[in-house]
């Protein structure tokens, strides 16, 4: 049987992409000739495509990644709630009541 693959890093790559896009637009804003309608239109079209990508990124995070994190936190919560400590403490209390001090 093949070993399990490393966990997919769902944080670094997508957020690196968002940072890359923001950096790209800082550069484009400084180079756009706002007096030229073609330059301005190209910038607006490019920004529109980027904001659609941002929206898709947020949608993926909300629908998949946040759900996955909630499942994991529920699993961790359930691990702690399923322990036998309460039962063990009850047994110790019963035992201590039955032990006579000399």
PDB file of N, CA and C in Angstrom:
ATOM      1  N   UNK A   1       0.846  -1.176   0.000  1.00  0.00           N
ATOM      2  CA  UNK A   1       0.000   0.000   0.000  1.00  0.00           C
ATOM      3  C   UNK A   1       0.889   1.236   0.000  1.00  0.00           C
ATOM      4  N   UNK A   2       0.550   2.197  -0.816  1.00  0.00           N
ATOM      5  CA  UNK A   2       1.343   3.426  -0.915  1.00  0.00           C
ATOM      6  C   UNK A   2       1.149   4.273   0.326  1.00  0.00           C
ATOM      7  N   UNK A   3       2.177   5.026   0.714  1.00  0.00           N
ATOM      8  CA  UNK A   3       2.031   5.903   1.890  1.00  0.00           C
ATOM      9  C   UNK A   3       1.031   7.015   1.595  1.00  0.00           C
ATOM     10  N   UNK A   4       0.439   7.538   2.659  1.00  0.00           N
ATOM     11  CA  UNK A   4      -0.494   8.645   2.504  1.00  0.00           C
ATOM     12  C   UNK A   4       0.256   9.866   1.994  1.00  0.00           C
ATOM     13  N   UNK A   5      -0.343  10.623   1.089  1.00  0.00           N
ATOM     14  CA  UNK A   5       0.327  11.848   0.613  1.00  0.00           C
ATOM     15  C   UNK A   5       0.309  12.909   1.701  1.00  0.00           C
ATOM     16  N   UNK A   6       1.251  13.831   1.605  1.00  0.00           N
ATOM     17  CA  UNK A   6       1.238  14.964   2.525  1.00  0.00           C
ATOM     18  C   UNK A   6      -0.074  15.706   2.351  1.00  0.00           C
ATOM     19  N   UNK A   7      -0.517  16.341   3.417  1.00  0.00           N
ATOM     20  CA  UNK A   7      -1.753  17.099   3.348  1.00  0.00           C
ATOM     21  C   UNK A   7      -1.590  18.249   2.365  1.00  0.00           C
ATOM     22  N   UNK A   8      -2.613  18.470   1.592  1.00  0.00           N
ATOM     23  CA  UNK A   8      -2.588  19.557   0.620  1.00  0.00           C
ATOM     24  C   UNK A   8      -2.683  20.878   1.375  1.00  0.00           C
ATOM     25  N   UNK A   9      -1.780  21.777   1.055  1.00  0.00           N
ATOM     26  CA  UNK A   9      -1.777  23.096   1.690  1.00  0.00           C
ATOM     27  C   UNK A   9      -2.794  23.973   0.965  1.00  0.00           C
ATOM     28  N   UNK A  10      -3.962  24.114   1.560  1.00  0.00           N
ATOM     29  CA  UNK A  10      -5.032  24.880   0.937  1.00  0.00           C
ATOM     30  C   UNK A  10      -4.958  26.360   1.287  1.00  0.00           C
ATOM     31  N   UNK A  11      -3.946  26.743   2.027  1.00  0.00           N
ATOM     32  CA  UNK A  11      -3.831  28.134   2.434  1.00  0.00           C
ATOM     33  C   UNK A  11      -2.788  28.887   1.609  1.00  0.00           C
ATOM     34  N   UNK A  12      -1.573  28.365   1.546  1.00  0.00           N
ATOM     35  CA  UNK A  12      -0.456  29.114   0.973  1.00  0.00           C
ATOM     36  C   UNK A  12      -0.633  29.448  -0.500  1.00  0.00           C
ATOM     37  N   UNK A  13      -0.889  28.451  -1.330  1.00  0.00           N
ATOM     38  CA  UNK A  13      -0.963  28.704  -2.772  1.00  0.00           C
ATOM     39  C   UNK A  13      -2.089  29.662  -3.153  1.00  0.00           C
ATOM     40  N   UNK A  14      -3.329  29.434  -2.692  1.00  0.00           N
ATOM     41  CA  UNK A  14      -4.388  30.379  -3.081  1.00  0.00           C
ATOM     42  C   UNK A  14      -4.142  31.792  -2.575  1.00  0.00           C
ATOM     43  N   UNK A  15      -3.616  31.935  -1.376  1.00  0.00           N
ATOM     44  CA  UNK A  15      -3.382  33.277  -0.847  1.00  0.00           C
ATOM     45  C   UNK A  15      -2.160  33.913  -1.491  1.00  0.00           C
ATOM     46  N   UNK A  16      -1.218  33.105  -1.903  1.00  0.00           N
ATOM     47  CA  UNK A  16      -0.077  33.631  -2.653  1.00  0.00           C
ATOM     48  C   UNK A  16      -0.584  34.229  -3.954  1.00  0.00           C
ATOM     49  N   UNK A  17      -1.526  33.541  -4.584  1.00  0.00           N
ATOM     50  CA  UNK A  17      -2.110  34.029  -5.838  1.00  0.00           C
ATOM     51  C   UNK A  17      -2.821  35.365  -5.615  1.00  0.00           C
ATOM     52  N   UNK A  18      -3.553  35.502  -4.531  1.00  0.00           N
ATOM     53  CA  UNK A  18      -4.257  36.758  -4.260  1.00  0.00           C
ATOM     54  C   UNK A  18      -3.253  37.888  -4.043  1.00  0.00           C
ATOM     55  N   UNK A  19      -2.178  37.606  -3.306  1.00  0.00           N
ATOM     56  CA  UNK A  19      -1.137  38.617  -3.086  1.00  0.00           C
ATOM     57  C   UNK A  19      -0.475  38.993  -4.411  1.00  0.00           C
ATOM     58  N   UNK A  20      -0.269  37.996  -5.275  1.00  0.00           N
ATOM     59  CA  UNK A  20       0.336  38.246  -6.580  1.00  0.00           C
ATOM     60  C   UNK A  20      -0.546  39.187  -7.410  1.00  0.00           C
ATOM     61  N   UNK A  21      -1.840  38.950  -7.389  1.00  0.00           N
ATOM     62  CA  UNK A  21      -2.759  39.804  -8.148  1.00  0.00           C
ATOM     63  C   UNK A  21      -2.775  41.234  -7.624  1.00  0.00           C
ATOM     64  N   UNK A  22      -2.764  41.395  -6.316  1.00  0.00           N
ATOM     65  CA  UNK A  22      -2.739  42.734  -5.736  1.00  0.00           C
ATOM     66  C   UNK A  22      -1.461  43.457  -6.153  1.00  0.00           C
ATOM     67  N   UNK A  23      -0.340  42.763  -6.087  1.00  0.00           N
ATOM     68  CA  UNK A  23       0.932  43.356  -6.515  1.00  0.00           C
ATOM     69  C   UNK A  23       0.917  43.746  -7.978  1.00  0.00           C
ATOM     70  N   UNK A  24       0.326  42.903  -8.799  1.00  0.00           N
ATOM     71  CA  UNK A  24       0.243  43.171 -10.234  1.00  0.00           C
ATOM     72  C   UNK A  24      -0.538  44.455 -10.487  1.00  0.00           C
ATOM     73  N   UNK A  25      -1.617  44.664  -9.730  1.00  0.00           N
ATOM     74  CA  UNK A  25      -2.435  45.850  -9.961  1.00  0.00           C
ATOM     75  C   UNK A  25      -1.813  47.118  -9.402  1.00  0.00           C
ATOM     76  N   UNK A  26      -1.026  47.002  -8.401  1.00  0.00           N
ATOM     77  CA  UNK A  26      -0.268  48.184  -7.938  1.00  0.00           C
ATOM     78  C   UNK A  26       0.633  48.667  -9.064  1.00  0.00           C
ATOM     79  N   UNK A  27       1.255  47.707  -9.749  1.00  0.00           N
ATOM     80  CA  UNK A  27       2.136  48.032 -10.870  1.00  0.00           C
ATOM     81  C   UNK A  27       1.331  48.580 -12.052  1.00  0.00           C
ATOM     82  N   UNK A  28       0.196  47.942 -12.376  1.00  0.00           N
ATOM     83  CA  UNK A  28      -0.624  48.395 -13.506  1.00  0.00           C
ATOM     84  C   UNK A  28      -1.177  49.793 -13.275  1.00  0.00           C
ATOM     85  N   UNK A  29      -1.582  50.086 -12.044  1.00  0.00           N
ATOM     86  CA  UNK A  29      -2.121  51.416 -11.759  1.00  0.00           C
ATOM     87  C   UNK A  29      -1.097  52.509 -12.021  1.00  0.00           C
ATOM     88  N   UNK A  30       0.156  52.225 -11.688  1.00  0.00           N
ATOM     89  CA  UNK A  30       1.192  53.251 -11.892  1.00  0.00           C
ATOM     90  C   UNK A  30       1.555  53.403 -13.371  1.00  0.00           C
ATOM     91  N   UNK A  31       1.255  52.387 -14.189  1.00  0.00           N
ATOM     92  CA  UNK A  31       1.624  52.443 -15.615  1.00  0.00           C
ATOM     93  C   UNK A  31       0.458  52.772 -16.539  1.00  0.00           C
ATOM     94  N   UNK A  32      -0.750  52.824 -16.010  1.00  0.00           N
ATOM     95  CA  UNK A  32      -1.914  53.087 -16.862  1.00  0.00           C
ATOM     96  C   UNK A  32      -2.009  54.572 -17.192  1.00  0.00           C
ATOM     97  N   UNK A  33      -2.231  54.830 -18.464  1.00  0.00           N
ATOM     98  CA  UNK A  33      -2.457  56.195 -18.923  1.00  0.00           C
ATOM     99  C   UNK A  33      -3.963  56.424 -18.862  1.00  0.00           C
ATOM    100  N   UNK A  34      -4.435  57.089 -17.825  1.00  0.00           N
ATOM    101  CA  UNK A  34      -5.865  57.279 -17.625  1.00  0.00           C
ATOM    102  C   UNK A  34      -6.467  58.255 -18.642  1.00  0.00           C
ATOM    103  N   UNK A  35      -5.644  58.975 -19.367  1.00  0.00           N
ATOM    104  CA  UNK A  35      -6.130  59.862 -20.430  1.00  0.00           C
ATOM    105  C   UNK A  35      -6.438  59.072 -21.703  1.00  0.00           C
ATOM    106  N   UNK A  36      -5.905  57.884 -21.792  1.00  0.00           N
ATOM    107  CA  UNK A  36      -6.116  57.038 -22.961  1.00  0.00           C
ATOM    108  C   UNK A  36      -7.239  56.046 -22.663  1.00  0.00           C
ATOM    109  N   UNK A  37      -8.330  56.165 -23.429  1.00  0.00           N
ATOM    110  CA  UNK A  37      -9.488  55.305 -23.184  1.00  0.00           C
ATOM    111  C   UNK A  37      -9.154  53.823 -23.325  1.00  0.00           C
ATOM    112  N   UNK A  38      -8.297  53.462 -24.257  1.00  0.00           N
ATOM    113  CA  UNK A  38      -7.942  52.055 -24.449  1.00  0.00           C
ATOM    114  C   UNK A  38      -7.182  51.510 -23.240  1.00  0.00           C
ATOM    115  N   UNK A  39      -6.238  52.280 -22.704  1.00  0.00           N
ATOM    116  CA  UNK A  39      -5.503  51.866 -21.509  1.00  0.00           C
ATOM    117  C   UNK A  39      -6.449  51.713 -20.319  1.00  0.00           C
ATOM    118  N   UNK A  40      -7.313  52.731 -20.170  1.00  0.00           N
ATOM    119  CA  UNK A  40      -8.240  52.720 -19.046  1.00  0.00           C
ATOM    120  C   UNK A  40      -9.205  51.541 -19.150  1.00  0.00           C
ATOM    121  N   UNK A  41      -9.729  51.297 -20.358  1.00  0.00           N
ATOM    122  CA  UNK A  41     -10.648  50.177 -20.575  1.00  0.00           C
ATOM    123  C   UNK A  41      -9.940  48.848 -20.308  1.00  0.00           C
ATOM    124  N   UNK A  42      -8.714  48.703 -20.755  1.00  0.00           N
ATOM    125  CA  UNK A  42      -7.958  47.464 -20.526  1.00  0.00           C
ATOM    126  C   UNK A  42      -7.752  47.233 -19.029  1.00  0.00           C
ATOM    127  N   UNK A  43      -7.455  48.305 -18.301  1.00  0.00           N
ATOM    128  CA  UNK A  43      -7.297  48.180 -16.847  1.00  0.00           C
ATOM    129  C   UNK A  43      -8.611  47.738 -16.202  1.00  0.00           C
ATOM    130  N   UNK A  44      -9.710  48.358 -16.599  1.00  0.00           N
ATOM    131  CA  UNK A  44     -11.010  47.996 -16.032  1.00  0.00           C
ATOM    132  C   UNK A  44     -11.388  46.549 -16.342  1.00  0.00           C
ATOM    133  N   UNK A  45     -11.133  46.099 -17.564  1.00  0.00           N
ATOM    134  CA  UNK A  45     -11.438  44.709 -17.922  1.00  0.00           C
ATOM    135  C   UNK A  45     -10.583  43.738 -17.114  1.00  0.00           C
ATOM    136  N   UNK A  46      -9.346  44.093 -16.947  1.00  0.00           N
ATOM    137  CA  UNK A  46      -8.434  43.253 -16.175  1.00  0.00           C
ATOM    138  C   UNK A  46      -8.844  43.211 -14.703  1.00  0.00           C
ATOM    139  N   UNK A  47      -9.213  44.368 -14.157  1.00  0.00           N
ATOM    140  CA  UNK A  47      -9.686  44.415 -12.773  1.00  0.00           C
ATOM    141  C   UNK A  47     -10.973  43.610 -12.600  1.00  0.00           C
ATOM    142  N   UNK A  48     -11.854  43.684 -13.570  1.00  0.00           N
ATOM    143  CA  UNK A  48     -13.099  42.926 -13.515  1.00  0.00           C
ATOM    144  C   UNK A  48     -12.802  41.423 -13.438  1.00  0.00           C
ATOM    145  N   UNK A  49     -11.904  40.952 -14.286  1.00  0.00           N
ATOM    146  CA  UNK A  49     -11.539  39.530 -14.275  1.00  0.00           C
ATOM    147  C   UNK A  49     -10.907  39.141 -12.937  1.00  0.00           C
ATOM    148  N   UNK A  50     -10.108  40.038 -12.389  1.00  0.00           N
ATOM    149  CA  UNK A  50      -9.453  39.749 -11.114  1.00  0.00           C
ATOM    150  C   UNK A  50     -10.450  39.701  -9.970  1.00  0.00           C
ATOM    151  N   UNK A  51     -11.397  40.633  -9.956  1.00  0.00           N
ATOM    152  CA  UNK A  51     -12.391  40.604  -8.882  1.00  0.00           C
ATOM    153  C   UNK A  51     -13.301  39.385  -8.988  1.00  0.00           C
ATOM    154  N   UNK A  52     -13.531  38.906 -10.212  1.00  0.00           N
ATOM    155  CA  UNK A  52     -14.261  37.646 -10.367  1.00  0.00           C
ATOM    156  C   UNK A  52     -13.455  36.506  -9.755  1.00  0.00           C
ATOM    157  N   UNK A  53     -12.132  36.533  -9.939  1.00  0.00           N
ATOM    158  CA  UNK A  53     -11.264  35.508  -9.342  1.00  0.00           C
ATOM    159  C   UNK A  53     -11.276  35.620  -7.818  1.00  0.00           C
ATOM    160  N   UNK A  54     -11.236  36.847  -7.302  1.00  0.00           N
ATOM    161  CA  UNK A  54     -11.328  37.045  -5.847  1.00  0.00           C
ATOM    162  C   UNK A  54     -12.634  36.464  -5.301  1.00  0.00           C
ATOM    163  N   UNK A  55     -13.721  36.734  -6.020  1.00  0.00           N
ATOM    164  CA  UNK A  55     -15.019  36.239  -5.581  1.00  0.00           C
ATOM    165  C   UNK A  55     -15.034  34.709  -5.572  1.00  0.00           C
ATOM    166  N   UNK A  56     -14.476  34.108  -6.606  1.00  0.00           N
ATOM    167  CA  UNK A  56     -14.416  32.652  -6.675  1.00  0.00           C
ATOM    168  C   UNK A  56     -13.559  32.105  -5.529  1.00  0.00           C
ATOM    169  N   UNK A  57     -12.460  32.776  -5.238  1.00  0.00           N
ATOM    170  CA  UNK A  57     -11.575  32.385  -4.129  1.00  0.00           C
ATOM    171  C   UNK A  57     -12.358  32.388  -2.812  1.00  0.00           C
ATOM    172  N   UNK A  58     -13.095  33.464  -2.568  1.00  0.00           N
ATOM    173  CA  UNK A  58     -13.881  33.560  -1.341  1.00  0.00           C
ATOM    174  C   UNK A  58     -14.971  32.495  -1.290  1.00  0.00           C
ATOM    175  N   UNK A  59     -15.578  32.236  -2.432  1.00  0.00           N
ATOM    176  CA  UNK A  59     -16.634  31.222  -2.486  1.00  0.00           C
ATOM    177  C   UNK A  59     -16.069  29.841  -2.163  1.00  0.00           C
ATOM    178  N   UNK A  60     -14.905  29.533  -2.709  1.00  0.00           N
ATOM    179  CA  UNK A  60     -14.253  28.248  -2.418  1.00  0.00           C
ATOM    180  C   UNK A  60     -13.910  28.164  -0.940  1.00  0.00           C
ATOM    181  N   UNK A  61     -13.366  29.248  -0.394  1.00  0.00           N
ATOM    182  CA  UNK A  61     -13.050  29.251   1.039  1.00  0.00           C
ATOM    183  C   UNK A  61     -14.298  29.018   1.877  1.00  0.00           C
ATOM    184  N   UNK A  62     -15.356  29.736   1.567  1.00  0.00           N
ATOM    185  CA  UNK A  62     -16.581  29.628   2.360  1.00  0.00           C
ATOM    186  C   UNK A  62     -17.234  28.265   2.244  1.00  0.00           C
ATOM    187  N   UNK A  63     -17.258  27.718   1.058  1.00  0.00           N
ATOM    188  CA  UNK A  63     -17.972  26.461   0.847  1.00  0.00           C
ATOM    189  C   UNK A  63     -17.151  25.228   1.192  1.00  0.00           C
ATOM    190  N   UNK A  64     -15.866  25.279   0.945  1.00  0.00           N
ATOM    191  CA  UNK A  64     -15.069  24.069   1.128  1.00  0.00           C
ATOM    192  C   UNK A  64     -14.132  24.151   2.327  1.00  0.00           C
ATOM    193  N   UNK A  65     -13.270  25.136   2.321  1.00  0.00           N
ATOM    194  CA  UNK A  65     -12.214  25.192   3.328  1.00  0.00           C
ATOM    195  C   UNK A  65     -12.785  25.428   4.723  1.00  0.00           C
ATOM    196  N   UNK A  66     -13.705  26.376   4.864  1.00  0.00           N
ATOM    197  CA  UNK A  66     -14.299  26.645   6.175  1.00  0.00           C
ATOM    198  C   UNK A  66     -15.054  25.408   6.657  1.00  0.00           C
ATOM    199  N   UNK A  67     -15.763  24.740   5.750  1.00  0.00           N
ATOM    200  CA  UNK A  67     -16.451  23.500   6.110  1.00  0.00           C
ATOM    201  C   UNK A  67     -15.491  22.427   6.581  1.00  0.00           C
ATOM    202  N   UNK A  68     -14.360  22.313   5.895  1.00  0.00           N
ATOM    203  CA  UNK A  68     -13.347  21.333   6.283  1.00  0.00           C
ATOM    204  C   UNK A  68     -12.789  21.654   7.669  1.00  0.00           C
ATOM    205  N   UNK A  69     -12.527  22.922   7.927  1.00  0.00           N
ATOM    206  CA  UNK A  69     -12.025  23.327   9.239  1.00  0.00           C
ATOM    207  C   UNK A  69     -13.059  23.058  10.330  1.00  0.00           C
ATOM    208  N   UNK A  70     -14.330  23.296  10.015  1.00  0.00           N
ATOM    209  CA  UNK A  70     -15.385  23.013  10.990  1.00  0.00           C
ATOM    210  C   UNK A  70     -15.466  21.520  11.294  1.00  0.00           C
ATOM    211  N   UNK A  71     -15.309  20.693  10.262  1.00  0.00           N
ATOM    212  CA  UNK A  71     -15.310  19.244  10.483  1.00  0.00           C
ATOM    213  C   UNK A  71     -14.151  18.841  11.380  1.00  0.00           C
ATOM    214  N   UNK A  72     -12.987  19.407  11.110  1.00  0.00           N
ATOM    215  CA  UNK A  72     -11.814  19.078  11.925  1.00  0.00           C
ATOM    216  C   UNK A  72     -12.004  19.518  13.363  1.00  0.00           C
ATOM    217  N   UNK A  73     -12.534  20.708  13.553  1.00  0.00           N
ATOM    218  CA  UNK A  73     -12.717  21.181  14.928  1.00  0.00           C
ATOM    219  C   UNK A  73     -13.769  20.335  15.634  1.00  0.00           C
ATOM    220  N   UNK A  74     -14.774  19.882  14.907  1.00  0.00           N
ATOM    221  CA  UNK A  74     -15.787  19.005  15.501  1.00  0.00           C
ATOM    222  C   UNK A  74     -15.158  17.669  15.880  1.00  0.00           C
ATOM    223  N   UNK A  75     -14.269  17.157  15.034  1.00  0.00           N
ATOM    224  CA  UNK A  75     -13.579  15.901  15.327  1.00  0.00           C
ATOM    225  C   UNK A  75     -12.745  16.048  16.590  1.00  0.00           C
ATOM    226  N   UNK A  76     -12.030  17.159  16.692  1.00  0.00           N
ATOM    227  CA  UNK A  76     -11.218  17.402  17.884  1.00  0.00           C
ATOM    228  C   UNK A  76     -12.113  17.518  19.108  1.00  0.00           C
ATOM    229  N   UNK A  77     -13.216  18.234  18.953  1.00  0.00           N
ATOM    230  CA  UNK A  77     -14.161  18.378  20.067  1.00  0.00           C
ATOM    231  C   UNK A  77     -14.697  17.017  20.474  1.00  0.00           C
ATOM    232  N   UNK A  78     -15.069  16.200  19.505  1.00  0.00           N
ATOM    233  CA  UNK A  78     -15.624  14.884  19.811  1.00  0.00           C
ATOM    234  C   UNK A  78     -14.601  13.970  20.481  1.00  0.00           C
ATOM    235  N   UNK A  79     -13.343  14.088  20.118  1.00  0.00           N
ATOM    236  CA  UNK A  79     -12.307  13.282  20.760  1.00  0.00           C
ATOM    237  C   UNK A  79     -12.286  13.583  22.250  1.00  0.00           C
ATOM    238  N   UNK A  80     -12.377  14.858  22.579  1.00  0.00           N
ATOM    239  CA  UNK A  80     -12.342  15.245  23.985  1.00  0.00           C
ATOM    240  C   UNK A  80     -13.652  14.914  24.700  1.00  0.00           C
ATOM    241  N   UNK A  81     -14.757  14.981  24.005  1.00  0.00           N
ATOM    242  CA  UNK A  81     -16.024  14.705  24.671  1.00  0.00           C
ATOM    243  C   UNK A  81     -16.249  13.209  24.853  1.00  0.00           C
ATOM    244  N   UNK A  82     -15.547  12.387  24.086  1.00  0.00           N
ATOM    245  CA  UNK A  82     -15.746  10.942  24.160  1.00  0.00           C
ATOM    246  C   UNK A  82     -14.786  10.256  25.137  1.00  0.00           C
ATOM    247  N   UNK A  83     -14.013  11.022  25.867  1.00  0.00           N
ATOM    248  CA  UNK A  83     -13.065  10.382  26.777  1.00  0.00           C
ATOM    249  C   UNK A  83     -13.788   9.763  27.966  1.00  0.00           C
ATOM    250  N   UNK A  84     -13.087   8.972  28.732  1.00  0.00           N
ATOM    251  CA  UNK A  84     -13.685   8.227  29.850  1.00  0.00           C
ATOM    252  C   UNK A  84     -13.327   8.823  31.211  1.00  0.00           C
ATOM    253  N   UNK A  85     -12.867  10.055  31.226  1.00  0.00           N
ATOM    254  CA  UNK A  85     -12.434  10.659  32.493  1.00  0.00           C
ATOM    255  C   UNK A  85     -13.565  10.775  33.504  1.00  0.00           C
ATOM    256  N   UNK A  86     -14.746  11.174  33.068  1.00  0.00           N
ATOM    257  CA  UNK A  86     -15.868  11.302  34.012  1.00  0.00           C
ATOM    258  C   UNK A  86     -16.201   9.957  34.634  1.00  0.00           C
ATOM    259  N   UNK A  87     -16.212   8.941  33.809  1.00  0.00           N
ATOM    260  CA  UNK A  87     -16.498   7.593  34.316  1.00  0.00           C
ATOM    261  C   UNK A  87     -15.418   7.137  35.302  1.00  0.00           C
ATOM    262  N   UNK A  88     -14.167   7.423  34.965  1.00  0.00           N
ATOM    263  CA  UNK A  88     -13.063   7.037  35.860  1.00  0.00           C
ATOM    264  C   UNK A  88     -13.142   7.802  37.177  1.00  0.00           C
ATOM    265  N   UNK A  89     -13.447   9.109  37.122  1.00  0.00           N
ATOM    266  CA  UNK A  89     -13.560   9.896  38.352  1.00  0.00           C
ATOM    267  C   UNK A  89     -14.679   9.364  39.235  1.00  0.00           C
ATOM    268  N   UNK A  90     -15.773   8.994  38.622  1.00  0.00           N
ATOM    269  CA  UNK A  90     -16.892   8.430  39.381  1.00  0.00           C
ATOM    270  C   UNK A  90     -16.473   7.130  40.082  1.00  0.00           C
ATOM    271  N   UNK A  91     -15.724   6.288  39.400  1.00  0.00           N
ATOM    272  CA  UNK A  91     -15.241   5.042  40.006  1.00  0.00           C
ATOM    273  C   UNK A  91     -14.302   5.331  41.181  1.00  0.00           C
ATOM    274  N   UNK A  92     -13.420   6.337  41.015  1.00  0.00           N
ATOM    275  CA  UNK A  92     -12.519   6.693  42.115  1.00  0.00           C
ATOM    276  C   UNK A  92     -13.307   7.209  43.319  1.00  0.00           C
ATOM    277  N   UNK A  93     -14.321   8.061  43.066  1.00  0.00           N
ATOM    278  CA  UNK A  93     -15.138   8.588  44.156  1.00  0.00           C
ATOM    279  C   UNK A  93     -15.842   7.459  44.916  1.00  0.00           C
ATOM    280  N   UNK A  94     -16.389   6.528  44.180  1.00  0.00           N
ATOM    281  CA  UNK A  94     -17.059   5.370  44.817  1.00  0.00           C
ATOM    282  C   UNK A  94     -16.054   4.547  45.616  1.00  0.00           C
ATOM    283  N   UNK A  95     -14.905   4.344  45.037  1.00  0.00           N
ATOM    284  CA  UNK A  95     -13.873   3.570  45.733  1.00  0.00           C
ATOM    285  C   UNK A  95     -13.394   4.253  46.976  1.00  0.00           C
ATOM    286  N   UNK A  96     -13.199   5.566  46.926  1.00  0.00           N
ATOM    287  CA  UNK A  96     -12.715   6.309  48.093  1.00  0.00           C
ATOM    288  C   UNK A  96     -13.743   6.305  49.213  1.00  0.00           C
ATOM    289  N   UNK A  97     -15.013   6.309  48.864  1.00  0.00           N
ATOM    290  CA  UNK A  97     -16.058   6.249  49.915  1.00  0.00           C
ATOM    291  C   UNK A  97     -16.034   4.917  50.636  1.00  0.00           C
ATOM    292  N   UNK A  98     -15.608   3.874  49.960  1.00  0.00           N
ATOM    293  CA  UNK A  98     -15.606   2.544  50.552  1.00  0.00           C
ATOM    294  C   UNK A  98     -14.312   2.233  51.307  1.00  0.00           C
ATOM    295  N   UNK A  99     -13.289   3.057  51.104  1.00  0.00           N
ATOM    296  CA  UNK A  99     -12.018   2.811  51.803  1.00  0.00           C
ATOM    297  C   UNK A  99     -12.097   3.429  53.187  1.00  0.00           C
ATOM    298  N   UNK A 100     -11.798   2.618  54.196  1.00  0.00           N
ATOM    299  CA  UNK A 100     -11.855   3.103  55.567  1.00  0.00           C
ATOM    300  C   UNK A 100     -10.495   3.662  55.942  1.00  0.00           C
ATOM    301  N   UNK A 101     -10.492   4.821  56.577  1.00  0.00           N
ATOM    302  CA  UNK A 101      -9.250   5.439  57.045  1.00  0.00           C
ATOM    303  C   UNK A 101      -8.929   4.846  58.409  1.00  0.00           C
ATOM    304  N   UNK A 102      -7.650   4.378  58.592  1.00  0.00           N
ATOM    305  CA  UNK A 102      -7.307   3.788  59.881  1.00  0.00           C
ATOM    306  C   UNK A 102      -6.637   4.742  60.801  1.00  0.00           C
TER     307      UNK A 102
END
